[in-house]
Amino acid sequence: MPLILHGLTPIHWAVAGAAIAAITLCLLFVANRRLGLSSGLEDVCSLLLKLPYFTRSSVRAGRAWRLPFIAGLAFGGFLSAVLGGGWAPTWDLGMFDQVIGLGPAGKLAWMFAGGLFIGFGTRLGGGCTSGHGIFGLSNFEMPSLVTTLSFMAGGLATTQIVYRVIFHWSA
């Protein structure tokens, strides 16, 4: 199945999975680090905010590897977009725009609210989907299983509500 935005063929799932596994194993065995992005967000915030939460030693200790990791993810995504057919910023939200039709301010508010929900869920679950779903599950951690199932159930419920209820009312 081609990608939605520009019709390119995606990387085979097994290749992508093997790459994620290799990164996870390298972080664990070479650097004795856990894969996760929410702690990387704490590092970025700690550069700007001098609140006690962001100045604790556990946050500062990971900056040396997490900040380059986060920068590499952003750069890799940008590079992939450019090499994969071009990149252009857009306000187009596809079907959501056709059905809901929010303007730029409404889209910013929608994305901001979504970010707050994601941040709340990440703190409530004690980590992000990558930390729990990839690293925690591969280590057979029961809290990661519960959290991953909760993330997945929330995503499925939200998708069903948006597509079957909100889009149906607006049609």
N, C-alpha and C. Protein backbone atom coordinates (compact mmCIF):
# COMPACT_ATOMS: atom_id res chain seq x y z
N MET A 1 0.84 -1.17 0.00
CA MET A 1 0.00 0.00 0.00
C MET A 1 0.89 1.24 0.00
N PRO A 2 0.67 2.18 -0.90
CA PRO A 2 1.50 3.39 -0.94
C PRO A 2 1.20 4.33 0.22
N LEU A 3 2.15 5.19 0.51
CA LEU A 3 1.97 6.18 1.57
C LEU A 3 0.89 7.18 1.18
N ILE A 4 0.20 7.73 2.15
CA ILE A 4 -0.94 8.61 1.91
C ILE A 4 -0.52 9.92 1.24
N LEU A 5 0.54 10.55 1.71
CA LEU A 5 0.85 11.90 1.25
C LEU A 5 1.40 11.97 -0.17
N HIS A 6 2.27 11.06 -0.55
CA HIS A 6 2.88 11.20 -1.87
C HIS A 6 3.01 9.89 -2.64
N GLY A 7 2.32 8.84 -2.22
CA GLY A 7 2.23 7.62 -2.99
C GLY A 7 3.48 6.76 -3.08
N LEU A 8 4.50 7.04 -2.28
CA LEU A 8 5.71 6.22 -2.31
C LEU A 8 5.47 4.89 -1.58
N THR A 9 6.23 3.89 -1.93
CA THR A 9 6.15 2.61 -1.27
C THR A 9 6.90 2.69 0.06
N PRO A 10 6.27 2.32 1.17
CA PRO A 10 6.95 2.39 2.46
C PRO A 10 7.96 1.27 2.63
N ILE A 11 8.83 1.41 3.61
CA ILE A 11 9.77 0.37 3.97
C ILE A 11 8.96 -0.83 4.48
N HIS A 12 9.40 -2.02 4.16
CA HIS A 12 8.71 -3.23 4.64
C HIS A 12 8.70 -3.22 6.16
N TRP A 13 7.61 -3.68 6.75
CA TRP A 13 7.45 -3.64 8.20
C TRP A 13 8.54 -4.41 8.93
N ALA A 14 9.02 -5.51 8.35
CA ALA A 14 10.05 -6.30 9.00
C ALA A 14 11.38 -5.56 9.05
N VAL A 15 11.68 -4.82 8.00
CA VAL A 15 12.92 -4.02 7.97
C VAL A 15 12.83 -2.90 9.01
N ALA A 16 11.68 -2.22 9.04
CA ALA A 16 11.50 -1.14 10.02
C ALA A 16 11.56 -1.69 11.44
N GLY A 17 10.94 -2.83 11.69
CA GLY A 17 10.97 -3.45 13.01
C GLY A 17 12.37 -3.86 13.42
N ALA A 18 13.12 -4.41 12.47
CA ALA A 18 14.51 -4.81 12.76
C ALA A 18 15.36 -3.58 13.08
N ALA A 19 15.12 -2.48 12.40
CA ALA A 19 15.88 -1.25 12.67
C ALA A 19 15.56 -0.72 14.07
N ILE A 20 14.29 -0.73 14.44
CA ILE A 20 13.90 -0.29 15.78
C ILE A 20 14.52 -1.21 16.83
N ALA A 21 14.49 -2.52 16.58
CA ALA A 21 15.10 -3.47 17.52
C ALA A 21 16.60 -3.23 17.66
N ALA A 22 17.27 -2.96 16.53
CA ALA A 22 18.72 -2.72 16.57
C ALA A 22 19.03 -1.46 17.38
N ILE A 23 18.26 -0.41 17.18
CA ILE A 23 18.48 0.82 17.95
C ILE A 23 18.24 0.57 19.43
N THR A 24 17.17 -0.14 19.75
CA THR A 24 16.85 -0.44 21.15
C THR A 24 17.96 -1.26 21.80
N LEU A 25 18.43 -2.29 21.09
CA LEU A 25 19.50 -3.13 21.65
C LEU A 25 20.80 -2.37 21.80
N CYS A 26 21.13 -1.53 20.83
CA CYS A 26 22.36 -0.72 20.94
C CYS A 26 22.28 0.22 22.14
N LEU A 27 21.13 0.88 22.31
CA LEU A 27 20.98 1.75 23.47
C LEU A 27 21.13 0.98 24.77
N LEU A 28 20.57 -0.21 24.81
CA LEU A 28 20.61 -0.99 26.04
C LEU A 28 22.00 -1.57 26.31
N PHE A 29 22.58 -2.25 25.34
CA PHE A 29 23.83 -2.97 25.58
C PHE A 29 25.08 -2.10 25.46
N VAL A 30 25.06 -1.11 24.59
CA VAL A 30 26.23 -0.26 24.42
C VAL A 30 26.23 0.90 25.40
N ALA A 31 25.07 1.54 25.56
CA ALA A 31 25.03 2.74 26.39
C ALA A 31 24.29 2.55 27.71
N ASN A 32 23.67 1.38 27.93
CA ASN A 32 22.88 1.12 29.13
C ASN A 32 21.78 2.18 29.31
N ARG A 33 21.08 2.47 28.22
CA ARG A 33 20.02 3.48 28.21
C ARG A 33 18.72 2.86 27.71
N ARG A 34 17.60 3.44 28.14
CA ARG A 34 16.27 3.01 27.70
C ARG A 34 15.79 3.92 26.58
N LEU A 35 15.13 3.32 25.59
CA LEU A 35 14.54 4.09 24.51
C LEU A 35 13.25 4.72 25.01
N GLY A 36 13.09 6.00 24.76
CA GLY A 36 11.88 6.72 25.12
C GLY A 36 12.02 8.18 24.75
N LEU A 37 10.94 8.79 24.34
CA LEU A 37 11.01 10.18 23.89
C LEU A 37 10.51 11.19 24.91
N SER A 38 9.66 10.77 25.84
CA SER A 38 9.15 11.74 26.80
C SER A 38 10.27 12.28 27.68
N SER A 39 11.26 11.46 28.00
CA SER A 39 12.40 11.96 28.77
C SER A 39 13.24 12.93 27.94
N GLY A 40 13.26 12.74 26.62
CA GLY A 40 13.94 13.68 25.74
C GLY A 40 13.25 15.03 25.74
N LEU A 41 11.93 15.03 25.82
CA LEU A 41 11.19 16.29 25.91
C LEU A 41 11.55 17.01 27.21
N GLU A 42 11.72 16.25 28.29
CA GLU A 42 12.14 16.87 29.55
C GLU A 42 13.50 17.55 29.38
N ASP A 43 14.41 16.91 28.63
CA ASP A 43 15.72 17.50 28.39
C ASP A 43 15.61 18.82 27.63
N VAL A 44 14.80 18.83 26.60
CA VAL A 44 14.62 20.05 25.81
C VAL A 44 14.02 21.14 26.69
N CYS A 45 13.00 20.79 27.48
CA CYS A 45 12.39 21.78 28.37
C CYS A 45 13.36 22.28 29.42
N SER A 46 14.27 21.40 29.88
CA SER A 46 15.22 21.80 30.91
C SER A 46 16.21 22.85 30.41
N LEU A 47 16.39 22.93 29.11
CA LEU A 47 17.27 23.97 28.56
C LEU A 47 16.64 25.35 28.69
N LEU A 48 15.30 25.39 28.68
CA LEU A 48 14.58 26.67 28.69
C LEU A 48 13.97 27.02 30.04
N LEU A 49 13.53 26.02 30.77
CA LEU A 49 12.82 26.24 32.03
C LEU A 49 13.71 25.85 33.21
N LYS A 50 13.86 26.74 34.14
CA LYS A 50 14.72 26.47 35.29
C LYS A 50 13.92 26.07 36.52
N LEU A 51 12.77 25.44 36.31
CA LEU A 51 11.96 24.94 37.41
C LEU A 51 12.64 23.74 38.06
N PRO A 52 12.39 23.51 39.35
CA PRO A 52 13.06 22.40 40.04
C PRO A 52 12.86 21.04 39.36
N TYR A 53 11.69 20.81 38.77
CA TYR A 53 11.43 19.54 38.11
C TYR A 53 12.42 19.30 36.98
N PHE A 54 12.77 20.35 36.24
CA PHE A 54 13.64 20.21 35.08
C PHE A 54 15.12 20.34 35.43
N THR A 55 15.45 20.70 36.65
CA THR A 55 16.86 20.85 37.03
C THR A 55 17.36 19.68 37.87
N ARG A 56 16.54 18.67 38.07
CA ARG A 56 17.00 17.53 38.86
C ARG A 56 18.07 16.74 38.09
N SER A 57 18.87 16.02 38.83
CA SER A 57 20.04 15.37 38.23
C SER A 57 19.67 14.29 37.21
N SER A 58 18.55 13.61 37.40
CA SER A 58 18.17 12.55 36.45
C SER A 58 17.87 13.12 35.07
N VAL A 59 17.40 14.35 35.02
CA VAL A 59 17.14 15.00 33.72
C VAL A 59 18.45 15.46 33.11
N ARG A 60 19.27 16.14 33.90
CA ARG A 60 20.53 16.67 33.38
C ARG A 60 21.49 15.56 32.96
N ALA A 61 21.43 14.40 33.61
CA ALA A 61 22.38 13.32 33.32
C ALA A 61 22.19 12.73 31.91
N GLY A 62 20.99 12.80 31.36
CA GLY A 62 20.75 12.20 30.06
C GLY A 62 20.91 13.12 28.88
N ARG A 63 21.17 14.38 29.13
CA ARG A 63 21.26 15.35 28.03
C ARG A 63 22.31 14.98 26.98
N ALA A 64 23.42 14.43 27.43
CA ALA A 64 24.54 14.18 26.51
C ALA A 64 24.17 13.23 25.38
N TRP A 65 23.28 12.30 25.62
CA TRP A 65 22.89 11.38 24.56
C TRP A 65 21.46 11.63 24.07
N ARG A 66 20.55 12.10 24.95
CA ARG A 66 19.16 12.27 24.52
C ARG A 66 18.97 13.46 23.60
N LEU A 67 19.65 14.57 23.84
CA LEU A 67 19.49 15.73 22.95
C LEU A 67 19.97 15.43 21.53
N PRO A 68 21.15 14.80 21.34
CA PRO A 68 21.51 14.41 19.97
C PRO A 68 20.55 13.39 19.37
N PHE A 69 20.02 12.50 20.19
CA PHE A 69 19.04 11.52 19.72
C PHE A 69 17.78 12.21 19.21
N ILE A 70 17.25 13.16 19.97
CA ILE A 70 16.06 13.91 19.56
C ILE A 70 16.35 14.72 18.29
N ALA A 71 17.50 15.38 18.26
CA ALA A 71 17.87 16.15 17.06
C ALA A 71 18.00 15.23 15.85
N GLY A 72 18.56 14.05 16.04
CA GLY A 72 18.69 13.08 14.95
C GLY A 72 17.35 12.60 14.44
N LEU A 73 16.39 12.41 15.34
CA LEU A 73 15.04 12.01 14.91
C LEU A 73 14.40 13.10 14.06
N ALA A 74 14.50 14.34 14.51
CA ALA A 74 13.92 15.44 13.74
C ALA A 74 14.62 15.60 12.40
N PHE A 75 15.95 15.55 12.40
CA PHE A 75 16.70 15.70 11.16
C PHE A 75 16.44 14.52 10.22
N GLY A 76 16.38 13.31 10.77
CA GLY A 76 16.10 12.13 9.95
C GLY A 76 14.73 12.18 9.31
N GLY A 77 13.73 12.66 10.06
CA GLY A 77 12.39 12.81 9.50
C GLY A 77 12.36 13.85 8.39
N PHE A 78 13.04 14.96 8.62
CA PHE A 78 13.11 16.01 7.60
C PHE A 78 13.84 15.50 6.35
N LEU A 79 14.97 14.84 6.56
CA LEU A 79 15.75 14.31 5.44
C LEU A 79 14.94 13.27 4.65
N SER A 80 14.22 12.42 5.35
CA SER A 80 13.37 11.43 4.69
C SER A 80 12.29 12.10 3.85
N ALA A 81 11.69 13.16 4.39
CA ALA A 81 10.64 13.88 3.64
C ALA A 81 11.22 14.54 2.39
N VAL A 82 12.37 15.16 2.52
CA VAL A 82 12.99 15.84 1.37
C VAL A 82 13.40 14.83 0.30
N LEU A 83 14.05 13.75 0.72
CA LEU A 83 14.50 12.75 -0.25
C LEU A 83 13.37 11.89 -0.79
N GLY A 84 12.25 11.85 -0.08
CA GLY A 84 11.14 11.01 -0.49
C GLY A 84 10.11 11.69 -1.36
N GLY A 85 10.38 12.84 -1.86
CA GLY A 85 9.41 13.47 -2.75
C GLY A 85 9.14 14.93 -2.45
N GLY A 86 9.87 15.48 -1.54
CA GLY A 86 9.71 16.90 -1.26
C GLY A 86 8.94 17.16 0.03
N TRP A 87 9.18 18.31 0.59
CA TRP A 87 8.53 18.69 1.84
C TRP A 87 8.07 20.12 1.70
N ALA A 88 6.86 20.35 2.13
CA ALA A 88 6.32 21.70 2.16
C ALA A 88 5.39 21.79 3.36
N PRO A 89 5.53 22.81 4.18
CA PRO A 89 4.60 22.95 5.30
C PRO A 89 3.19 23.17 4.78
N THR A 90 2.23 22.62 5.49
CA THR A 90 0.84 22.73 5.05
C THR A 90 -0.10 22.80 6.24
N TRP A 91 -1.20 23.44 6.03
CA TRP A 91 -2.27 23.50 7.03
C TRP A 91 -3.34 22.48 6.71
N ASP A 92 -3.19 21.73 5.63
CA ASP A 92 -4.20 20.79 5.18
C ASP A 92 -4.28 19.59 6.12
N LEU A 93 -5.45 19.35 6.67
CA LEU A 93 -5.67 18.21 7.55
C LEU A 93 -6.56 17.16 6.88
N GLY A 94 -6.60 17.17 5.56
CA GLY A 94 -7.30 16.15 4.80
C GLY A 94 -8.78 16.09 5.10
N MET A 95 -9.26 14.88 5.41
CA MET A 95 -10.68 14.65 5.66
C MET A 95 -11.20 15.50 6.81
N PHE A 96 -10.36 15.72 7.81
CA PHE A 96 -10.76 16.54 8.95
C PHE A 96 -11.16 17.94 8.48
N ASP A 97 -10.39 18.52 7.57
CA ASP A 97 -10.72 19.85 7.03
C ASP A 97 -12.02 19.82 6.24
N GLN A 98 -12.23 18.77 5.48
CA GLN A 98 -13.44 18.68 4.66
C GLN A 98 -14.69 18.59 5.52
N VAL A 99 -14.60 17.89 6.64
CA VAL A 99 -15.78 17.68 7.47
C VAL A 99 -15.93 18.77 8.52
N ILE A 100 -14.87 19.11 9.23
CA ILE A 100 -14.95 20.07 10.34
C ILE A 100 -14.74 21.49 9.85
N GLY A 101 -13.73 21.72 9.01
CA GLY A 101 -13.50 23.02 8.42
C GLY A 101 -13.04 24.11 9.37
N LEU A 102 -12.10 23.81 10.25
CA LEU A 102 -11.55 24.83 11.14
C LEU A 102 -10.59 25.73 10.38
N GLY A 103 -10.51 26.99 10.77
CA GLY A 103 -9.52 27.89 10.21
C GLY A 103 -8.19 27.69 10.91
N PRO A 104 -7.19 28.50 10.57
CA PRO A 104 -5.86 28.35 11.19
C PRO A 104 -5.88 28.43 12.71
N ALA A 105 -6.64 29.36 13.30
CA ALA A 105 -6.68 29.48 14.75
C ALA A 105 -7.33 28.24 15.38
N GLY A 106 -8.37 27.73 14.76
CA GLY A 106 -9.03 26.53 15.25
C GLY A 106 -8.12 25.31 15.17
N LYS A 107 -7.34 25.22 14.09
CA LYS A 107 -6.41 24.11 13.95
C LYS A 107 -5.31 24.18 15.01
N LEU A 108 -4.82 25.39 15.28
CA LEU A 108 -3.81 25.54 16.33
C LEU A 108 -4.39 25.14 17.68
N ALA A 109 -5.61 25.56 17.97
CA ALA A 109 -6.25 25.19 19.23
C ALA A 109 -6.45 23.68 19.32
N TRP A 110 -6.88 23.07 18.22
CA TRP A 110 -7.09 21.61 18.18
C TRP A 110 -5.78 20.87 18.44
N MET A 111 -4.70 21.30 17.78
CA MET A 111 -3.41 20.65 17.96
C MET A 111 -2.85 20.89 19.36
N PHE A 112 -3.07 22.09 19.90
CA PHE A 112 -2.61 22.39 21.25
C PHE A 112 -3.33 21.51 22.26
N ALA A 113 -4.65 21.38 22.11
CA ALA A 113 -5.42 20.53 23.02
C ALA A 113 -4.97 19.08 22.90
N GLY A 114 -4.72 18.61 21.67
CA GLY A 114 -4.22 17.25 21.48
C GLY A 114 -2.87 17.05 22.15
N GLY A 115 -2.00 18.04 22.05
CA GLY A 115 -0.70 17.97 22.70
C GLY A 115 -0.82 17.90 24.21
N LEU A 116 -1.77 18.65 24.77
CA LEU A 116 -1.99 18.59 26.22
C LEU A 116 -2.46 17.20 26.64
N PHE A 117 -3.38 16.62 25.87
CA PHE A 117 -3.85 15.27 26.19
C PHE A 117 -2.71 14.25 26.09
N ILE A 118 -1.88 14.37 25.08
CA ILE A 118 -0.75 13.45 24.93
C ILE A 118 0.22 13.63 26.09
N GLY A 119 0.53 14.88 26.44
CA GLY A 119 1.42 15.13 27.57
C GLY A 119 0.87 14.60 28.88
N PHE A 120 -0.44 14.80 29.09
CA PHE A 120 -1.08 14.29 30.31
C PHE A 120 -1.00 12.76 30.34
N GLY A 121 -1.31 12.11 29.23
CA GLY A 121 -1.25 10.66 29.17
C GLY A 121 0.16 10.12 29.38
N THR A 122 1.13 10.84 28.85
CA THR A 122 2.52 10.43 29.01
C THR A 122 2.94 10.49 30.47
N ARG A 123 2.56 11.55 31.15
CA ARG A 123 2.89 11.66 32.58
C ARG A 123 2.09 10.67 33.41
N LEU A 124 0.82 10.50 33.08
CA LEU A 124 -0.02 9.56 33.81
C LEU A 124 0.50 8.14 33.66
N GLY A 125 0.94 7.79 32.45
CA GLY A 125 1.44 6.44 32.18
C GLY A 125 2.90 6.24 32.56
N GLY A 126 3.56 7.29 32.99
CA GLY A 126 4.97 7.16 33.37
C GLY A 126 5.91 6.97 32.19
N GLY A 127 5.53 7.47 31.03
CA GLY A 127 6.38 7.36 29.84
C GLY A 127 5.55 7.39 28.58
N CYS A 128 6.24 7.36 27.46
CA CYS A 128 5.58 7.50 26.17
C CYS A 128 5.35 6.15 25.50
N THR A 129 4.69 6.18 24.37
CA THR A 129 4.39 4.94 23.65
C THR A 129 5.65 4.22 23.20
N SER A 130 6.67 4.94 22.81
CA SER A 130 7.90 4.27 22.38
C SER A 130 8.62 3.64 23.57
N GLY A 131 8.64 4.32 24.69
CA GLY A 131 9.30 3.76 25.87
C GLY A 131 8.60 2.52 26.39
N HIS A 132 7.28 2.59 26.49
CA HIS A 132 6.53 1.43 26.99
C HIS A 132 6.33 0.37 25.91
N GLY A 133 5.89 0.81 24.74
CA GLY A 133 5.51 -0.14 23.69
C GLY A 133 6.68 -0.86 23.06
N ILE A 134 7.82 -0.23 22.98
CA ILE A 134 8.99 -0.86 22.36
C ILE A 134 9.91 -1.42 23.43
N PHE A 135 10.38 -0.57 24.30
CA PHE A 135 11.38 -1.02 25.27
C PHE A 135 10.76 -1.81 26.41
N GLY A 136 9.69 -1.29 26.99
CA GLY A 136 9.08 -1.97 28.14
C GLY A 136 8.52 -3.34 27.80
N LEU A 137 7.83 -3.44 26.67
CA LEU A 137 7.28 -4.74 26.28
C LEU A 137 8.38 -5.74 25.95
N SER A 138 9.46 -5.26 25.32
CA SER A 138 10.55 -6.19 24.99
C SER A 138 11.25 -6.70 26.24
N ASN A 139 11.08 -6.02 27.36
CA ASN A 139 11.65 -6.47 28.64
C ASN A 139 10.60 -7.13 29.53
N PHE A 140 9.43 -7.42 28.97
CA PHE A 140 8.35 -8.10 29.69
C PHE A 140 7.94 -7.36 30.97
N GLU A 141 7.87 -6.04 30.89
CA GLU A 141 7.48 -5.23 32.05
C GLU A 141 5.96 -5.11 32.08
N MET A 142 5.33 -5.58 33.16
CA MET A 142 3.87 -5.56 33.27
C MET A 142 3.30 -4.14 33.21
N PRO A 143 3.90 -3.13 33.86
CA PRO A 143 3.34 -1.77 33.72
C PRO A 143 3.36 -1.28 32.27
N SER A 144 4.36 -1.69 31.51
CA SER A 144 4.41 -1.30 30.10
C SER A 144 3.31 -1.98 29.30
N LEU A 145 2.98 -3.21 29.63
CA LEU A 145 1.89 -3.89 28.95
C LEU A 145 0.57 -3.18 29.22
N VAL A 146 0.31 -2.86 30.49
CA VAL A 146 -0.93 -2.16 30.85
C VAL A 146 -0.99 -0.79 30.17
N THR A 147 0.11 -0.07 30.20
CA THR A 147 0.14 1.26 29.60
C THR A 147 -0.02 1.19 28.09
N THR A 148 0.65 0.26 27.42
CA THR A 148 0.53 0.12 25.98
C THR A 148 -0.90 -0.26 25.58
N LEU A 149 -1.50 -1.19 26.32
CA LEU A 149 -2.91 -1.54 26.05
C LEU A 149 -3.81 -0.33 26.24
N SER A 150 -3.52 0.50 27.24
CA SER A 150 -4.32 1.70 27.47
C SER A 150 -4.14 2.71 26.33
N PHE A 151 -2.90 2.92 25.89
CA PHE A 151 -2.66 3.82 24.76
C PHE A 151 -3.41 3.34 23.52
N MET A 152 -3.31 2.04 23.24
CA MET A 152 -3.96 1.49 22.06
C MET A 152 -5.48 1.59 22.16
N ALA A 153 -6.03 1.28 23.32
CA ALA A 153 -7.49 1.37 23.50
C ALA A 153 -7.95 2.82 23.35
N GLY A 154 -7.20 3.77 23.90
CA GLY A 154 -7.55 5.18 23.75
C GLY A 154 -7.50 5.63 22.30
N GLY A 155 -6.48 5.17 21.57
CA GLY A 155 -6.37 5.51 20.15
C GLY A 155 -7.49 4.92 19.32
N LEU A 156 -7.83 3.65 19.59
CA LEU A 156 -8.93 3.01 18.87
C LEU A 156 -10.26 3.70 19.18
N ALA A 157 -10.49 4.01 20.45
CA ALA A 157 -11.74 4.68 20.83
C ALA A 157 -11.83 6.07 20.19
N THR A 158 -10.75 6.81 20.21
CA THR A 158 -10.74 8.15 19.61
C THR A 158 -11.00 8.07 18.11
N THR A 159 -10.36 7.13 17.43
CA THR A 159 -10.57 6.97 16.00
C THR A 159 -12.03 6.64 15.70
N GLN A 160 -12.60 5.73 16.47
CA GLN A 160 -14.00 5.37 16.25
C GLN A 160 -14.92 6.56 16.50
N ILE A 161 -14.66 7.33 17.54
CA ILE A 161 -15.49 8.50 17.83
C ILE A 161 -15.37 9.53 16.72
N VAL A 162 -14.16 9.81 16.28
CA VAL A 162 -13.97 10.82 15.24
C VAL A 162 -14.61 10.38 13.92
N TYR A 163 -14.32 9.16 13.48
CA TYR A 163 -14.80 8.71 12.17
C TYR A 163 -16.27 8.32 12.16
N ARG A 164 -16.75 7.69 13.22
CA ARG A 164 -18.12 7.19 13.19
C ARG A 164 -19.14 8.13 13.81
N VAL A 165 -18.70 9.03 14.69
CA VAL A 165 -19.64 9.93 15.34
C VAL A 165 -19.49 11.36 14.81
N ILE A 166 -18.33 11.96 14.99
CA ILE A 166 -18.14 13.36 14.61
C ILE A 166 -18.27 13.54 13.09
N PHE A 167 -17.57 12.70 12.33
CA PHE A 167 -17.66 12.83 10.87
C PHE A 167 -19.05 12.48 10.37
N HIS A 168 -19.75 11.57 11.03
CA HIS A 168 -21.10 11.18 10.61
C HIS A 168 -22.10 12.30 10.85
N TRP A 169 -21.98 13.00 12.00
CA TRP A 169 -22.88 14.12 12.29
C TRP A 169 -22.69 15.27 11.31
N SER A 170 -21.43 15.48 10.90
CA SER A 170 -21.12 16.62 10.05
C SER A 170 -21.44 16.36 8.57
N ALA A 171 -21.67 15.13 8.21
CA ALA A 171 -21.89 14.81 6.79
C ALA A 171 -23.27 15.20 6.31
